[in-house]
């Protein structure tokens, strides 16, 4: 009996021990840390984008990234903004900053990714330091009379190179020169910028792209900029508009556009400083004597090209010393497939107009590109497309008021548009479009671009001012109407110009309000004005009725942008 009781006792003790052991194990499992209960931590980081700093706010819960908010106010709309909008979601889904960049927005993407890494591990990824730029004191210049000049030079290019499928890369460059001259033709101040646009099979991630017009099948696309074509771009109106809206100039590309001696902008600044005090003829002579006949770059002592070496050796020691100083700040070409800067400066002199001003504290220049679905369709119901580029050249006083304004526009359309004076662009070689050859509103067939016709079209692009008397409007030529607006805006700040536009123009089409408008919205807006304001508008529309912001171009936006891009000058009229 005792043996039985002892056995039972041992059995009970064994069961108890097993139960206790199992209970302990269960307790240990339930006390394992659970990230769902961890405190949410908010981190901030900074990276360097295409246009400026990109900042992020990262929220983490344990080891998990639960949200990423990014801000990059200076990133290009439709390009860099895509990275700002799309990458945060990808990072959250991957729970890591190790994600692919957004196509056509490599620099913005890399800046955002770095900002997230900076937030997560600031020791390994320190915040980028802001470059301290000490503004140069502008050289004081005086003149008895000042002339404002604006010139454009357009160049088409077969290249740069081909993609990995042996499909040609094409590009076009537009050089814009804003120049002030004295009465003797000497340059008082100079601002140059370039818009260079390439087919999307070019592997450079900083250059703006254009695939052609909707209906042309798109173009080979190097999405990751790794010299390998991934496919064709989208053949849509949305893609057409996104590409054109995203075009940026070489100055706007900023630090992303590096050259041998600095950025493109810093090299151009060096040339501009060099040419101040010269006439256009002297600039041309300098270019002919001191640059390569092969590539338009300043001559150097160590050139490996016999022609350049021979030209360099003919120079005096003083001239060679001068060139050493030049190439320390600028080595890029002044005339090649990337653009004819010399010609643009020359054209700015030929287009100069006299100014009635006493001084100017700053000079601003801007180019704003606008895509358009239109004007209209041809007689086969095929859509017409066009692209407008508004260039604003502005002088401001110390208070930011406009003392002189000069605006011009390049507008190019597909060749099925029946306007005889509007420049055309068929697309890149191999692309075709309906052609109204006689400008009679009837399509005569298809025009297929060759390399010769491509180069000829681009080289033949002219501005609305250059179209002159051929570009008639309801109250005169385009030029006379623009002159009327320019005169109206002198003495106003950019903010006052924007206020004027908001109050006195149609919200439907950007044109000055009129008493006899047949649009109820415009009529209602007009009736809210005082008698004096209505009388002022009568004077305005007697000389200018065209839109200041529509699909033909955003003139107000370009003026505003010119103020944002202004540089200090010290100009006094004796």
Protein backbone atom coordinates (compact mmCIF):
# COMPACT_ATOMS: atom_id res chain seq x y z
CA UNK A 1 0.00 0.00 0.00
CA UNK A 2 2.82 2.36 0.90
CA UNK A 3 4.46 1.57 -2.43
CA UNK A 4 1.23 2.45 -4.21
CA UNK A 5 0.87 5.73 -2.29
CA UNK A 6 4.52 6.61 -2.95
CA UNK A 7 4.07 5.93 -6.67
CA UNK A 8 0.97 8.11 -6.79
CA UNK A 9 2.79 10.90 -4.97
CA UNK A 10 5.68 10.77 -7.46
CA UNK A 11 3.24 10.84 -10.34
CA UNK A 12 1.49 13.95 -8.96
CA UNK A 13 4.82 15.68 -8.41
CA UNK A 14 5.90 14.84 -11.95
CA UNK A 15 2.69 16.22 -13.46
CA UNK A 16 3.04 19.36 -11.39
CA UNK A 17 6.61 19.87 -12.55
CA UNK A 18 5.62 19.45 -16.21
CA UNK A 19 2.73 21.85 -15.76
CA UNK A 20 4.96 24.39 -14.08
CA UNK A 21 7.54 24.02 -16.79
CA UNK A 22 4.93 24.51 -19.51
CA UNK A 23 3.50 27.49 -17.66
CA UNK A 24 6.92 29.12 -17.40
CA UNK A 25 7.52 28.65 -21.10
CA UNK A 26 4.19 30.24 -21.97
CA UNK A 27 4.96 33.19 -19.74
CA UNK A 28 8.31 33.74 -21.44
CA UNK A 29 6.68 33.73 -24.87
CA UNK A 30 4.08 36.33 -23.93
CA UNK A 31 6.67 38.71 -22.53
CA UNK A 32 8.74 38.84 -25.77
CA UNK A 33 9.00 42.52 -26.88
CA UNK A 34 6.25 43.54 -29.29
CA UNK A 35 7.09 46.38 -31.73
CA UNK A 36 3.44 47.25 -31.92
CA UNK A 37 3.65 48.67 -28.44
CA UNK A 38 6.91 50.62 -29.07
CA UNK A 39 6.85 54.36 -28.94
CA UNK A 40 6.67 56.19 -32.30
CA UNK A 41 9.84 58.18 -32.93
CA UNK A 42 9.93 61.16 -35.31
CA UNK A 43 13.19 61.86 -37.15
CA UNK A 44 14.17 64.57 -39.64
CA UNK A 45 16.77 64.54 -42.38
CA UNK A 46 18.15 66.64 -45.21
CA UNK A 47 19.52 65.82 -48.65
CA UNK A 48 20.63 67.79 -51.70
CA UNK A 49 18.14 67.65 -54.56
CA UNK A 50 18.26 68.95 -58.12
CA UNK A 51 17.03 72.44 -57.29
CA UNK A 52 17.94 72.74 -53.63
CA UNK A 53 17.54 71.03 -50.25
CA UNK A 54 15.06 68.19 -49.73
CA UNK A 55 13.85 67.66 -46.18
CA UNK A 56 12.07 64.58 -44.83
CA UNK A 57 10.19 63.66 -41.70
CA UNK A 58 10.48 59.95 -40.92
CA UNK A 59 8.34 58.20 -38.32
CA UNK A 60 9.60 54.89 -36.91
CA UNK A 61 8.02 52.36 -34.55
CA UNK A 62 10.69 49.99 -33.37
CA UNK A 63 12.53 48.83 -36.48
CA UNK A 64 9.67 49.67 -38.81
CA UNK A 65 9.37 52.84 -40.93
CA UNK A 66 5.69 53.76 -40.74
CA UNK A 67 5.70 57.04 -42.68
CA UNK A 68 7.91 59.38 -44.73
CA UNK A 69 6.95 62.95 -45.59
CA UNK A 70 9.18 64.85 -48.02
CA UNK A 71 9.43 68.51 -49.01
CA UNK A 72 11.45 69.82 -51.95
CA UNK A 73 10.07 73.21 -52.92
CA UNK A 74 12.72 73.89 -55.58
CA UNK A 75 12.45 70.56 -57.39
CA UNK A 76 11.20 70.79 -60.97
CA UNK A 77 7.46 70.33 -61.31
CA UNK A 78 6.64 67.18 -63.27
CA UNK A 79 10.15 65.76 -62.85
CA UNK A 80 11.72 66.18 -59.41
CA UNK A 81 8.26 66.52 -57.91
CA UNK A 82 7.59 62.94 -59.06
CA UNK A 83 10.33 61.72 -56.73
CA UNK A 84 8.90 63.78 -53.86
CA UNK A 85 5.47 62.26 -54.43
CA UNK A 86 6.35 58.63 -55.21
CA UNK A 87 9.49 57.67 -53.27
CA UNK A 88 8.15 58.01 -49.68
CA UNK A 89 5.57 55.26 -50.30
CA UNK A 90 8.24 52.99 -51.78
CA UNK A 91 10.51 53.52 -48.79
CA UNK A 92 7.71 52.69 -46.35
CA UNK A 93 6.79 49.55 -48.29
CA UNK A 94 10.42 48.40 -48.44
CA UNK A 95 11.06 49.50 -44.84
CA UNK A 96 14.34 50.81 -46.18
CA UNK A 97 15.84 53.70 -48.13
CA UNK A 98 17.42 51.15 -50.47
CA UNK A 99 14.90 51.67 -53.30
CA UNK A 100 15.15 52.41 -57.02
CA UNK A 101 15.19 56.03 -58.16
CA UNK A 102 12.29 57.54 -60.08
CA UNK A 103 12.81 57.67 -63.83
CA UNK A 104 13.96 61.10 -65.13
CA UNK A 105 14.37 62.32 -61.56
CA UNK A 106 17.64 60.68 -60.53
CA UNK A 107 19.18 63.63 -58.71
CA UNK A 108 15.97 64.47 -56.83
CA UNK A 109 15.53 60.79 -55.95
CA UNK A 110 19.09 60.46 -54.69
CA UNK A 111 18.66 63.61 -52.61
CA UNK A 112 15.48 62.27 -51.00
CA UNK A 113 17.02 58.86 -50.32
CA UNK A 114 20.03 60.53 -48.73
CA UNK A 115 17.71 62.68 -46.59
CA UNK A 116 16.00 59.53 -45.26
CA UNK A 117 19.39 57.94 -44.52
CA UNK A 118 20.45 61.16 -42.82
CA UNK A 119 17.35 60.93 -40.60
CA UNK A 120 17.97 57.25 -39.77
CA UNK A 121 21.75 57.41 -39.32
CA UNK A 122 23.06 61.00 -39.17
CA UNK A 123 26.54 59.84 -38.15
CA UNK A 124 26.99 57.72 -41.27
CA UNK A 125 25.03 60.13 -43.47
CA UNK A 126 25.78 63.68 -42.26
CA UNK A 127 23.56 66.52 -43.47
CA UNK A 128 25.03 68.16 -46.57
CA UNK A 129 26.69 71.47 -45.84
CA UNK A 130 25.31 74.56 -47.53
CA UNK A 131 27.80 76.26 -49.80
CA UNK A 132 28.54 79.71 -48.47
CA UNK A 133 28.48 81.91 -51.51
CA UNK A 134 29.78 85.40 -50.99
CA UNK A 135 28.08 87.63 -53.55
CA UNK A 136 30.49 89.58 -55.70
CA UNK A 137 30.26 93.32 -55.64
CA UNK A 138 29.09 94.29 -59.10
CA UNK A 139 31.41 96.43 -61.16
CA UNK A 140 30.20 100.00 -61.38
CA UNK A 141 29.39 101.02 -64.93
CA UNK A 142 28.22 104.36 -66.28
CA UNK A 143 26.80 105.39 -69.59
CA UNK A 144 25.18 108.39 -71.21
CA UNK A 145 22.63 106.13 -72.89
CA UNK A 146 21.68 102.50 -72.33
CA UNK A 147 20.32 100.02 -74.85
CA UNK A 148 18.66 96.74 -73.92
CA UNK A 149 19.22 93.81 -76.24
CA UNK A 150 17.82 90.30 -76.41
CA UNK A 151 19.05 87.62 -78.80
CA UNK A 152 18.35 83.95 -79.46
CA UNK A 153 20.34 81.37 -81.35
CA UNK A 154 18.84 77.94 -82.16
CA UNK A 155 20.96 74.92 -83.03
CA UNK A 156 19.90 71.35 -83.86
CA UNK A 157 22.35 68.53 -83.21
CA UNK A 158 22.80 65.00 -84.49
CA UNK A 159 23.95 63.59 -81.18
CA UNK A 160 25.33 63.25 -78.61
CA UNK A 161 26.04 59.68 -79.79
CA UNK A 162 23.75 56.68 -80.12
CA UNK A 163 22.07 54.39 -77.62
CA UNK A 164 22.81 50.68 -77.16
CA UNK A 165 20.27 49.77 -79.87
CA UNK A 166 22.17 51.95 -82.37
CA UNK A 167 19.35 54.52 -82.41
CA UNK A 168 20.58 58.08 -82.84
CA UNK A 169 20.36 60.61 -80.03
CA UNK A 170 19.22 64.08 -81.13
CA UNK A 171 19.12 67.38 -79.31
CA UNK A 172 18.45 71.05 -79.83
CA UNK A 173 19.88 74.02 -77.98
CA UNK A 174 18.51 77.52 -77.64
CA UNK A 175 20.88 80.21 -76.40
CA UNK A 176 19.29 83.30 -74.85
CA UNK A 177 21.40 86.45 -74.41
CA UNK A 178 20.21 89.47 -72.41
CA UNK A 179 22.63 92.36 -72.90
CA UNK A 180 22.94 96.02 -71.96
CA UNK A 181 24.99 98.25 -74.27
CA UNK A 182 26.17 101.83 -74.04
CA UNK A 183 25.89 104.36 -76.85
CA UNK A 184 29.19 103.11 -78.35
CA UNK A 185 27.99 99.51 -78.45
CA UNK A 186 30.12 98.37 -75.52
CA UNK A 187 28.66 95.68 -73.29
CA UNK A 188 27.67 97.04 -69.89
CA UNK A 189 26.08 93.86 -68.57
CA UNK A 190 25.47 90.38 -69.99
CA UNK A 191 23.32 87.40 -68.97
CA UNK A 192 23.37 84.19 -71.01
CA UNK A 193 21.39 81.00 -70.49
CA UNK A 194 20.81 77.90 -72.60
CA UNK A 195 17.98 75.42 -72.93
CA UNK A 196 19.28 72.11 -74.25
CA UNK A 197 16.76 69.33 -74.83
CA UNK A 198 17.59 65.78 -75.96
CA UNK A 199 15.71 62.68 -77.03
CA UNK A 200 15.09 60.46 -73.98
CA UNK A 201 17.58 57.81 -75.12
CA UNK A 202 20.37 60.15 -74.04
CA UNK A 203 21.87 58.72 -70.85
CA UNK A 204 22.43 62.03 -69.03
CA UNK A 205 20.02 62.34 -66.13
CA UNK A 206 20.23 66.14 -65.85
CA UNK A 207 19.31 67.09 -69.43
CA UNK A 208 15.62 67.77 -70.18
CA UNK A 209 14.01 65.35 -72.63
CA UNK A 210 11.50 65.50 -75.46
CA UNK A 211 10.05 62.39 -77.11
CA UNK A 212 8.16 64.11 -79.90
CA UNK A 213 4.47 64.88 -80.25
CA UNK A 214 1.58 62.54 -79.34
CA UNK A 215 0.87 60.10 -82.13
CA UNK A 216 4.52 59.70 -83.15
CA UNK A 217 5.09 56.50 -81.22
CA UNK A 218 7.36 57.85 -78.50
CA UNK A 219 11.13 57.43 -78.52
CA UNK A 220 13.73 55.06 -77.11
CA UNK A 221 14.05 55.68 -73.38
CA UNK A 222 17.07 55.16 -71.12
CA UNK A 223 15.03 55.19 -67.94
CA UNK A 224 17.84 54.56 -65.45
CA UNK A 225 20.48 56.56 -67.32
CA UNK A 226 22.68 53.46 -67.48
CA UNK A 227 23.23 53.56 -71.26
CA UNK A 228 20.69 50.78 -71.80
CA UNK A 229 17.33 51.39 -73.46
CA UNK A 230 14.38 50.09 -71.43
CA UNK A 231 11.69 50.71 -74.05
CA UNK A 232 9.64 53.53 -75.55
CA UNK A 233 8.24 56.60 -73.83
CA UNK A 234 4.49 56.92 -73.42
CA UNK A 235 2.87 58.28 -76.57
CA UNK A 236 0.32 60.45 -74.77
CA UNK A 237 -0.67 64.08 -74.37
CA UNK A 238 0.08 63.80 -70.65
CA UNK A 239 3.65 62.73 -71.34
CA UNK A 240 4.07 65.53 -73.91
CA UNK A 241 2.89 68.12 -71.40
CA UNK A 242 4.96 66.68 -68.54
CA UNK A 243 8.14 66.73 -70.61
CA UNK A 244 7.76 70.33 -71.80
CA UNK A 245 6.66 71.62 -68.39
CA UNK A 246 9.80 70.04 -66.96
CA UNK A 247 12.28 71.75 -69.28
CA UNK A 248 14.92 73.64 -67.32
CA UNK A 249 17.79 75.79 -68.51
CA UNK A 250 21.44 75.12 -67.84
CA UNK A 251 21.50 77.78 -65.14
CA UNK A 252 18.46 76.20 -63.51
CA UNK A 253 20.25 72.85 -63.50
CA UNK A 254 22.64 74.52 -61.05
CA UNK A 255 25.23 72.40 -59.25
CA UNK A 256 23.98 69.30 -61.04
CA UNK A 257 25.59 70.50 -64.25
CA UNK A 258 29.32 70.22 -63.56
CA UNK A 259 32.07 71.19 -66.00
CA UNK A 260 35.87 71.11 -65.92
CA UNK A 261 36.24 74.38 -64.04
CA UNK A 262 33.00 74.38 -62.04
CA UNK A 263 29.33 74.44 -62.97
CA UNK A 264 28.01 75.54 -66.34
CA UNK A 265 26.67 78.68 -64.65
CA UNK A 266 30.04 79.59 -63.08
CA UNK A 267 31.85 79.08 -66.40
CA UNK A 268 29.31 81.26 -68.21
CA UNK A 269 29.69 83.89 -65.50
CA UNK A 270 33.43 83.99 -66.26
CA UNK A 271 32.80 84.62 -69.94
CA UNK A 272 30.21 87.30 -69.19
CA UNK A 273 32.69 89.13 -66.96
CA UNK A 274 35.36 88.84 -69.67
CA UNK A 275 33.12 90.37 -72.36
CA UNK A 276 31.97 93.40 -70.35
CA UNK A 277 33.57 96.48 -71.88
CA UNK A 278 33.86 94.91 -75.34
CA UNK A 279 31.76 95.65 -78.39
CA UNK A 280 30.13 92.70 -80.16
CA UNK A 281 32.73 93.05 -82.92
CA UNK A 282 35.50 92.79 -80.31
CA UNK A 283 33.83 89.72 -78.79
CA UNK A 284 33.77 88.09 -82.24
CA UNK A 285 37.43 89.01 -82.77
CA UNK A 286 38.38 87.59 -79.37
CA UNK A 287 36.54 84.36 -80.17
CA UNK A 288 38.21 84.05 -83.60
CA UNK A 289 41.71 84.60 -82.20
CA UNK A 290 41.68 82.80 -78.87
CA UNK A 291 39.46 79.74 -79.30
CA UNK A 292 39.79 76.48 -81.20
CA UNK A 293 38.52 76.41 -84.78
CA UNK A 294 37.57 72.78 -84.09
CA UNK A 295 35.39 73.07 -80.99
CA UNK A 296 35.05 76.74 -79.99
CA UNK A 297 36.88 76.28 -76.68
CA UNK A 298 39.66 78.57 -75.37
CA UNK A 299 43.10 77.54 -76.56
CA UNK A 300 45.39 75.73 -74.10
CA UNK A 301 49.12 75.10 -74.02
CA UNK A 302 48.73 71.34 -73.58
CA UNK A 303 46.30 70.75 -76.44
CA UNK A 304 46.76 67.42 -78.24
CA UNK A 305 45.26 68.81 -81.47
CA UNK A 306 47.92 70.02 -83.93
CA UNK A 307 45.66 72.77 -85.34
CA UNK A 308 45.01 74.20 -81.88
CA UNK A 309 48.67 73.83 -80.90
CA UNK A 310 49.78 75.78 -83.98
CA UNK A 311 47.21 78.54 -83.35
CA UNK A 312 48.28 78.81 -79.70
CA UNK A 313 52.00 79.12 -80.52
CA UNK A 314 51.32 82.23 -82.65
CA UNK A 315 50.17 84.13 -79.55
CA UNK A 316 52.34 86.47 -77.52
CA UNK A 317 53.39 85.62 -73.96
CA UNK A 318 50.92 88.18 -72.62
CA UNK A 319 48.10 86.60 -74.64
CA UNK A 320 49.05 83.16 -73.36
CA UNK A 321 48.99 84.46 -69.79
CA UNK A 322 45.55 85.93 -70.41
CA UNK A 323 44.30 82.55 -71.63
CA UNK A 324 45.66 80.85 -68.51
CA UNK A 325 43.40 83.14 -66.48
CA UNK A 326 40.44 82.47 -68.78
CA UNK A 327 40.65 78.66 -68.69
CA UNK A 328 40.99 78.70 -64.92
CA UNK A 329 37.35 79.75 -64.85
CA UNK A 330 35.92 78.64 -68.19
CA UNK A 331 36.80 75.86 -70.64
CA UNK A 332 33.46 75.18 -72.34
CA UNK A 333 32.74 75.97 -75.96
CA UNK A 334 31.23 79.26 -77.07
CA UNK A 335 30.07 77.80 -80.38
CA UNK A 336 29.38 74.12 -81.03
CA UNK A 337 26.52 71.62 -81.19
CA UNK A 338 25.54 72.65 -77.66
CA UNK A 339 24.73 76.18 -78.77
CA UNK A 340 26.09 79.28 -80.50
CA UNK A 341 26.63 81.75 -77.66
CA UNK A 342 28.54 84.21 -79.84
CA UNK A 343 25.66 84.44 -82.32
CA UNK A 344 23.09 85.01 -79.55
CA UNK A 345 25.15 87.92 -78.19
CA UNK A 346 25.45 89.35 -81.70
CA UNK A 347 21.67 89.01 -82.20
CA UNK A 348 21.04 90.80 -78.92
CA UNK A 349 22.97 93.80 -80.27
CA UNK A 350 21.01 93.80 -83.51
CA UNK A 351 17.72 93.72 -81.58
CA UNK A 352 18.67 96.41 -79.04
CA UNK A 353 16.26 99.16 -78.04
CA UNK A 354 17.02 102.42 -76.26
CA UNK A 355 16.00 102.83 -72.63
CA UNK A 356 14.84 105.92 -70.79
CA UNK A 357 16.17 105.11 -67.32
CA UNK A 358 18.42 106.79 -64.74
CA UNK A 359 19.77 103.69 -62.97
CA UNK A 360 19.28 99.98 -62.35
CA UNK A 361 20.19 97.85 -59.34
CA UNK A 362 19.59 94.36 -60.73
CA UNK A 363 19.06 92.48 -63.96
CA UNK A 364 16.78 89.48 -64.30
CA UNK A 365 16.23 86.96 -67.04
CA UNK A 366 13.98 83.90 -67.33
CA UNK A 367 12.62 81.39 -69.85
CA UNK A 368 9.31 79.61 -69.26
CA UNK A 369 8.19 76.75 -71.52
CA UNK A 370 4.51 75.88 -72.04
CA UNK A 371 3.01 72.94 -74.00
CA UNK A 372 -0.30 73.29 -75.82
CA UNK A 373 -2.83 70.85 -77.17
CA UNK A 374 -3.74 73.06 -80.12
CA UNK A 375 -4.40 75.40 -81.78
CA UNK A 376 -7.25 73.29 -83.15
CA UNK A 377 -7.16 70.34 -85.53
CA UNK A 378 -6.46 70.04 -89.23
CA UNK A 379 -9.01 69.09 -91.89
CA UNK A 380 -8.32 65.37 -91.29
CA UNK A 381 -9.23 65.80 -87.60
CA UNK A 382 -5.62 65.35 -86.52
CA UNK A 383 -4.58 67.41 -83.52
CA UNK A 384 -2.25 70.40 -83.80
CA UNK A 385 0.32 70.74 -81.00
CA UNK A 386 2.58 73.64 -80.11
CA UNK A 387 5.25 74.73 -77.65
CA UNK A 388 5.77 78.30 -76.40
CA UNK A 389 8.82 79.68 -74.63
CA UNK A 390 8.44 83.09 -73.05
CA UNK A 391 11.68 84.97 -72.36
CA UNK A 392 11.51 87.93 -69.95
CA UNK A 393 14.40 90.39 -69.64
CA UNK A 394 13.92 92.80 -66.78
CA UNK A 395 15.77 95.59 -64.99
CA UNK A 396 14.81 96.45 -61.40
CA UNK A 397 15.62 99.32 -59.07
CA UNK A 398 16.71 98.93 -55.44
CA UNK A 399 13.08 98.62 -54.32
CA UNK A 400 12.36 95.83 -56.79
CA UNK A 401 10.34 98.03 -59.12
CA UNK A 402 10.60 97.38 -62.85
CA UNK A 403 12.58 100.10 -64.64
CA UNK A 404 12.75 98.29 -68.01
CA UNK A 405 11.10 95.18 -69.42
CA UNK A 406 11.56 93.29 -72.68
CA UNK A 407 9.54 90.15 -73.44
CA UNK A 408 9.70 87.87 -76.46
CA UNK A 409 8.33 84.43 -77.25
CA UNK A 410 9.26 81.48 -79.44
CA UNK A 411 6.18 79.49 -80.43
CA UNK A 412 6.56 76.41 -82.65
CA UNK A 413 3.77 74.16 -83.91
CA UNK A 414 3.37 70.85 -85.67
CA UNK A 415 3.43 71.34 -89.47
CA UNK A 416 -0.31 70.71 -89.85
CA UNK A 417 -1.00 74.17 -88.38
CA UNK A 418 -2.06 76.47 -91.20
CA UNK A 419 -0.34 79.63 -89.93
CA UNK A 420 2.24 80.72 -92.47
CA UNK A 421 4.45 82.73 -90.12
CA UNK A 422 4.57 80.32 -87.14
CA UNK A 423 7.74 78.21 -87.05
CA UNK A 424 7.18 74.47 -87.31
CA UNK A 425 8.69 71.42 -85.66
CA UNK A 426 7.95 68.02 -87.19
CA UNK A 427 9.90 66.10 -84.60
CA UNK A 428 13.13 64.17 -84.70
CA UNK A 429 14.45 62.33 -87.77
CA UNK A 430 12.26 59.35 -88.55
CA UNK A 431 9.16 60.89 -86.99
CA UNK A 432 6.27 62.06 -89.23
CA UNK A 433 3.35 64.44 -88.98
CA UNK A 434 0.54 65.84 -91.14
CA UNK A 435 1.75 68.77 -93.24
CA UNK A 436 -0.23 71.76 -94.47
CA UNK A 437 2.41 72.80 -96.97
CA UNK A 438 0.49 75.72 -98.50
CA UNK A 439 -0.99 77.00 -95.22
CA UNK A 440 -4.48 76.84 -96.73
CA UNK A 441 -6.15 74.78 -94.02
CA UNK A 442 -5.81 71.56 -96.02
CA UNK A 443 -3.36 68.76 -95.28
CA UNK A 444 -1.14 67.95 -98.26
CA UNK A 445 0.31 64.74 -96.86
CA UNK A 446 2.80 63.48 -94.30
CA UNK A 447 6.09 65.20 -93.60
CA UNK A 448 8.82 62.83 -92.41
CA UNK A 449 11.73 64.46 -90.66
CA UNK A 450 15.22 63.77 -91.95
CA UNK A 451 18.40 64.97 -90.32
CA UNK A 452 18.55 67.81 -92.85
CA UNK A 453 14.95 68.94 -92.31
CA UNK A 454 15.34 68.59 -88.53
CA UNK A 455 18.38 70.88 -88.52
CA UNK A 456 16.72 73.33 -90.91
CA UNK A 457 13.53 73.57 -88.83
CA UNK A 458 15.38 74.24 -85.57
CA UNK A 459 17.77 76.73 -87.17
CA UNK A 460 14.76 78.55 -88.65
CA UNK A 461 12.86 79.09 -85.41
CA UNK A 462 12.09 82.79 -84.96
CA UNK A 463 10.51 84.74 -82.13
CA UNK A 464 7.19 86.54 -82.25
CA UNK A 465 9.02 89.86 -82.43
CA UNK A 466 11.09 88.58 -85.34
CA UNK A 467 7.87 87.63 -87.14
CA UNK A 468 7.16 91.38 -87.17
CA UNK A 469 4.33 92.66 -89.31
CA UNK A 470 3.35 89.11 -90.27
CA UNK A 471 2.04 88.50 -86.78
CA UNK A 472 -1.05 90.70 -86.73
CA UNK A 473 -3.47 90.83 -83.80
CA UNK A 474 -6.73 92.67 -83.18
CA UNK A 475 -5.08 95.96 -82.25
CA UNK A 476 -1.74 95.71 -84.03
CA UNK A 477 1.19 93.34 -84.14
CA UNK A 478 2.22 91.05 -81.32
CA UNK A 479 5.24 93.29 -80.74
CA UNK A 480 3.18 96.48 -80.42
CA UNK A 481 0.80 94.79 -77.97
CA UNK A 482 3.69 93.49 -75.87
CA UNK A 483 5.27 96.96 -75.91
CA UNK A 484 2.03 98.37 -74.49
CA UNK A 485 2.06 95.88 -71.60
CA UNK A 486 5.75 96.52 -70.94
CA UNK A 487 5.11 100.26 -70.66
CA UNK A 488 2.19 99.58 -68.31
CA UNK A 489 4.29 97.46 -65.94
CA UNK A 490 7.24 99.86 -65.62
CA UNK A 491 7.23 101.33 -62.10
CA UNK A 492 5.50 98.29 -60.60
CA UNK A 493 6.98 95.52 -58.48
CA UNK A 494 6.42 91.94 -59.59
CA UNK A 495 3.85 91.54 -56.80
CA UNK A 496 1.99 94.60 -58.13
CA UNK A 497 2.10 93.18 -61.66
CA UNK A 498 0.58 89.94 -60.35
CA UNK A 499 -2.09 91.90 -58.47
CA UNK A 500 -2.90 93.90 -61.61
CA UNK A 501 -3.23 90.73 -63.63
CA UNK A 502 -5.46 89.06 -61.02
CA UNK A 503 -7.79 92.07 -60.80
CA UNK A 504 -8.01 93.34 -64.37
CA UNK A 505 -7.84 90.29 -66.62
CA UNK A 506 -10.19 87.43 -67.38
CA UNK A 507 -9.93 84.34 -65.20
CA UNK A 508 -10.87 82.37 -68.34
CA UNK A 509 -8.24 83.50 -70.83
CA UNK A 510 -5.86 85.98 -69.18
CA UNK A 511 -6.90 88.90 -71.41
CA UNK A 512 -7.74 92.41 -70.13
CA UNK A 513 -11.38 92.79 -69.16
CA UNK A 514 -13.72 94.64 -71.54
CA UNK A 515 -17.14 96.23 -71.12
CA UNK A 516 -18.64 94.28 -74.03
CA UNK A 517 -17.52 90.81 -73.00
CA UNK A 518 -19.99 88.04 -73.88
CA UNK A 519 -18.71 85.88 -71.02
CA UNK A 520 -20.85 86.21 -67.85
CA UNK A 521 -17.86 85.56 -65.56
CA UNK A 522 -15.85 88.35 -67.18
CA UNK A 523 -18.84 90.71 -67.21
CA UNK A 524 -19.43 90.16 -63.49
CA UNK A 525 -15.75 90.79 -62.70
CA UNK A 526 -15.72 93.95 -64.83
CA UNK A 527 -18.80 95.40 -63.13
CA UNK A 528 -17.10 95.30 -59.73
CA UNK A 529 -14.52 97.84 -60.91
CA UNK A 530 -14.70 101.58 -60.28
CA UNK A 531 -15.26 104.06 -63.09
CA UNK A 532 -11.60 105.07 -62.95
CA UNK A 533 -10.52 101.44 -63.24
CA UNK A 534 -12.83 100.92 -66.20
CA UNK A 535 -11.42 104.03 -67.85
CA UNK A 536 -7.88 102.70 -67.31
CA UNK A 537 -8.84 99.43 -68.98
CA UNK A 538 -10.22 101.30 -71.99
CA UNK A 539 -6.76 102.78 -72.46
CA UNK A 540 -5.11 99.38 -72.01
CA UNK A 541 -7.23 97.47 -74.52
CA UNK A 542 -6.78 100.22 -77.09
CA UNK A 543 -3.21 98.97 -77.39
CA UNK A 544 -3.21 95.42 -76.03
CA UNK A 545 -5.85 92.71 -75.93
CA UNK A 546 -3.77 89.53 -75.99
CA UNK A 547 -3.50 87.12 -73.08
CA UNK A 548 -0.78 87.43 -70.47
CA UNK A 549 -1.16 83.81 -69.34
CA UNK A 550 -2.64 81.12 -71.52
CA UNK A 551 -1.49 78.18 -73.62
CA UNK A 552 0.42 80.60 -75.87
CA UNK A 553 2.72 81.31 -72.95
CA UNK A 554 2.83 82.50 -69.34
CA UNK A 555 4.15 86.05 -69.61
CA UNK A 556 3.33 86.89 -65.98
CA UNK A 557 5.11 83.76 -64.80
CA UNK A 558 8.21 84.61 -66.84
CA UNK A 559 8.37 88.15 -65.40
CA UNK A 560 8.06 86.75 -61.89
CA UNK A 561 10.76 84.21 -62.60
CA UNK A 562 13.07 86.93 -63.96
CA UNK A 563 12.83 88.67 -60.59
CA UNK A 564 13.71 85.44 -58.79
CA UNK A 565 16.74 85.00 -61.07
CA UNK A 566 17.98 88.60 -60.84
CA UNK A 567 21.61 89.48 -60.23
CA UNK A 568 22.95 92.73 -58.85
CA UNK A 569 24.37 95.34 -61.21
CA UNK A 570 25.66 98.85 -60.55
CA UNK A 571 24.48 100.92 -63.49
CA UNK A 572 24.33 104.70 -63.51
CA UNK A 573 23.15 106.89 -66.37
CA UNK A 574 25.14 110.14 -66.59
